[in-house]
Amino acid sequence: MKRLNITDNHGWTPRKLCKQERKIKNAHLRQRVMAVRLVMEGYLDKDVASMVNVCRQTVSHYVSLFNEGGLELLLHRDFAPGREPFLTEALRECRLC
């Protein structure tokens, strides 16, 4: 099995990432940083996956995001816009009357 590599650490060390983990309130984002830190420390992707409770491909995705854009890209999450509201803005205002 090919070992995952951090090709560009963007100035982050495992120690700095550990400090950053403690500052993050969102558990999902903290999990991403933890996975990258563990890979930096030399753990195999399958071991990291079991430690942070995600699949191996997810760990690989986190590492590729970190390699591309550092911590900023790793912590950036786009959400789907969601369903259009049933009521129009005018109906919502009227309903509040």
C-alpha atoms as a PDB file:
ATOM      1  CA  MET A   1       0.000   0.000   0.000  1.00  0.00           C
ATOM      2  CA  LYS A   2       1.320   3.406  -0.954  1.00  0.00           C
ATOM      3  CA  ARG A   3       1.896   5.744   1.972  1.00  0.00           C
ATOM      4  CA  LEU A   4       0.206   9.166   1.911  1.00  0.00           C
ATOM      5  CA  ASN A   5       2.606  12.093   1.787  1.00  0.00           C
ATOM      6  CA  ILE A   6       2.253  15.704   2.715  1.00  0.00           C
ATOM      7  CA  THR A   7       3.936  17.330  -0.290  1.00  0.00           C
ATOM      8  CA  ASP A   8       3.671  20.910   0.961  1.00  0.00           C
ATOM      9  CA  ASN A   9       3.238  21.518   4.661  1.00  0.00           C
ATOM     10  CA  HIS A  10       2.559  25.262   4.123  1.00  0.00           C
ATOM     11  CA  GLY A  11       4.626  26.054   7.198  1.00  0.00           C
ATOM     12  CA  TRP A  12       2.604  23.790   9.493  1.00  0.00           C
ATOM     13  CA  THR A  13       4.226  21.287  11.812  1.00  0.00           C
ATOM     14  CA  PRO A  14       2.417  18.507  13.684  1.00  0.00           C
ATOM     15  CA  ARG A  15       2.827  20.513  16.887  1.00  0.00           C
ATOM     16  CA  LYS A  16       1.265  23.661  15.354  1.00  0.00           C
ATOM     17  CA  LEU A  17      -1.585  21.586  13.925  1.00  0.00           C
ATOM     18  CA  CYS A  18      -2.223  20.056  17.339  1.00  0.00           C
ATOM     19  CA  LYS A  19      -2.500  23.545  18.856  1.00  0.00           C
ATOM     20  CA  GLN A  20      -4.836  24.554  16.027  1.00  0.00           C
ATOM     21  CA  GLU A  21      -7.025  21.481  16.691  1.00  0.00           C
ATOM     22  CA  ARG A  22      -7.646  22.641  20.227  1.00  0.00           C
ATOM     23  CA  LYS A  23      -8.883  26.023  19.000  1.00  0.00           C
ATOM     24  CA  ILE A  24     -11.443  24.590  16.563  1.00  0.00           C
ATOM     25  CA  LYS A  25     -14.947  24.247  18.030  1.00  0.00           C
ATOM     26  CA  ASN A  26     -16.499  22.327  15.110  1.00  0.00           C
ATOM     27  CA  ALA A  27     -15.837  18.599  15.649  1.00  0.00           C
ATOM     28  CA  HIS A  28     -15.926  17.773  11.939  1.00  0.00           C
ATOM     29  CA  LEU A  29     -13.303  20.382  11.090  1.00  0.00           C
ATOM     30  CA  ARG A  30     -11.193  19.310  14.063  1.00  0.00           C
ATOM     31  CA  GLN A  31     -11.345  15.759  12.708  1.00  0.00           C
ATOM     32  CA  ARG A  32      -9.939  16.946   9.357  1.00  0.00           C
ATOM     33  CA  VAL A  33      -6.991  18.675  11.001  1.00  0.00           C
ATOM     34  CA  MET A  34      -6.346  15.662  13.206  1.00  0.00           C
ATOM     35  CA  ALA A  35      -6.255  13.338  10.190  1.00  0.00           C
ATOM     36  CA  VAL A  36      -3.685  15.515   8.408  1.00  0.00           C
ATOM     37  CA  ARG A  37      -1.598  15.820  11.567  1.00  0.00           C
ATOM     38  CA  LEU A  38      -1.525  12.052  12.048  1.00  0.00           C
ATOM     39  CA  VAL A  39      -0.417  11.542   8.437  1.00  0.00           C
ATOM     40  CA  MET A  40       2.324  14.130   9.032  1.00  0.00           C
ATOM     41  CA  GLU A  41       3.437  12.138  12.050  1.00  0.00           C
ATOM     42  CA  GLY A  42       3.878   9.053   9.855  1.00  0.00           C
ATOM     43  CA  TYR A  43       0.749   6.974  10.452  1.00  0.00           C
ATOM     44  CA  LEU A  44      -0.679   4.931   7.578  1.00  0.00           C
ATOM     45  CA  ASP A  45      -3.926   6.114   6.007  1.00  0.00           C
ATOM     46  CA  LYS A  46      -5.854   3.045   7.160  1.00  0.00           C
ATOM     47  CA  ASP A  47      -4.677   3.593  10.753  1.00  0.00           C
ATOM     48  CA  VAL A  48      -5.598   7.280  10.626  1.00  0.00           C
ATOM     49  CA  ALA A  49      -9.007   6.363   9.194  1.00  0.00           C
ATOM     50  CA  SER A  50      -9.743   4.068  12.118  1.00  0.00           C
ATOM     51  CA  MET A  51      -8.479   6.647  14.640  1.00  0.00           C
ATOM     52  CA  VAL A  52     -10.697   9.468  13.372  1.00  0.00           C
ATOM     53  CA  ASN A  53     -13.559   7.156  12.365  1.00  0.00           C
ATOM     54  CA  VAL A  54     -13.722   7.897   8.623  1.00  0.00           C
ATOM     55  CA  CYS A  55     -12.914   5.793   5.560  1.00  0.00           C
ATOM     56  CA  ARG A  56      -9.447   5.607   4.036  1.00  0.00           C
ATOM     57  CA  GLN A  57     -10.485   7.562   0.937  1.00  0.00           C
ATOM     58  CA  THR A  58     -11.680  10.437   3.126  1.00  0.00           C
ATOM     59  CA  VAL A  59      -8.264  10.663   4.765  1.00  0.00           C
ATOM     60  CA  SER A  60      -6.705  10.730   1.304  1.00  0.00           C
ATOM     61  CA  HIS A  61      -9.081  13.533   0.305  1.00  0.00           C
ATOM     62  CA  TYR A  62      -8.165  15.569   3.397  1.00  0.00           C
ATOM     63  CA  VAL A  63      -4.446  15.182   2.622  1.00  0.00           C
ATOM     64  CA  SER A  64      -4.928  16.241  -1.002  1.00  0.00           C
ATOM     65  CA  LEU A  65      -6.914  19.322   0.121  1.00  0.00           C
ATOM     66  CA  PHE A  66      -4.161  20.229   2.565  1.00  0.00           C
ATOM     67  CA  ASN A  67      -1.461  19.723  -0.079  1.00  0.00           C
ATOM     68  CA  GLU A  68      -3.349  21.981  -2.496  1.00  0.00           C
ATOM     69  CA  GLY A  69      -4.231  24.911  -0.281  1.00  0.00           C
ATOM     70  CA  GLY A  70      -3.053  24.358   3.255  1.00  0.00           C
ATOM     71  CA  LEU A  71      -5.228  24.692   6.306  1.00  0.00           C
ATOM     72  CA  GLU A  72      -7.502  27.293   4.684  1.00  0.00           C
ATOM     73  CA  LEU A  73      -8.651  24.883   1.974  1.00  0.00           C
ATOM     74  CA  LEU A  74      -8.861  21.988   4.423  1.00  0.00           C
ATOM     75  CA  LEU A  75     -11.221  23.933   6.696  1.00  0.00           C
ATOM     76  CA  HIS A  76     -13.285  25.433   3.869  1.00  0.00           C
ATOM     77  CA  ARG A  77     -16.633  23.678   3.384  1.00  0.00           C
ATOM     78  CA  ASP A  78     -19.183  24.510   0.734  1.00  0.00           C
ATOM     79  CA  PHE A  79     -22.760  23.698   1.543  1.00  0.00           C
ATOM     80  CA  ALA A  80     -25.509  23.082  -0.953  1.00  0.00           C
ATOM     81  CA  PRO A  81     -27.837  26.058  -1.275  1.00  0.00           C
ATOM     82  CA  GLY A  82     -30.810  23.975  -0.189  1.00  0.00           C
ATOM     83  CA  ARG A  83     -34.372  23.877  -1.329  1.00  0.00           C
ATOM     84  CA  GLU A  84     -36.143  27.012  -2.488  1.00  0.00           C
ATOM     85  CA  PRO A  85     -38.523  28.429   0.126  1.00  0.00           C
ATOM     86  CA  PHE A  86     -42.161  27.497  -0.336  1.00  0.00           C
ATOM     87  CA  LEU A  87     -43.358  30.985   0.568  1.00  0.00           C
ATOM     88  CA  THR A  88     -42.240  34.019  -1.390  1.00  0.00           C
ATOM     89  CA  GLU A  89     -40.831  37.021   0.441  1.00  0.00           C
ATOM     90  CA  ALA A  90     -44.165  38.880   0.064  1.00  0.00           C
ATOM     91  CA  LEU A  91     -46.141  35.968   1.510  1.00  0.00           C
ATOM     92  CA  ARG A  92     -43.740  35.660   4.442  1.00  0.00           C
ATOM     93  CA  GLU A  93     -44.145  39.369   5.257  1.00  0.00           C
ATOM     94  CA  CYS A  94     -47.925  39.123   4.937  1.00  0.00           C
ATOM     95  CA  ARG A  95     -48.002  36.084   7.182  1.00  0.00           C
ATOM     96  CA  LEU A  96     -46.183  37.981   9.935  1.00  0.00           C
ATOM     97  CA  CYS A  97     -48.925  40.669   9.997  1.00  0.00           C
END
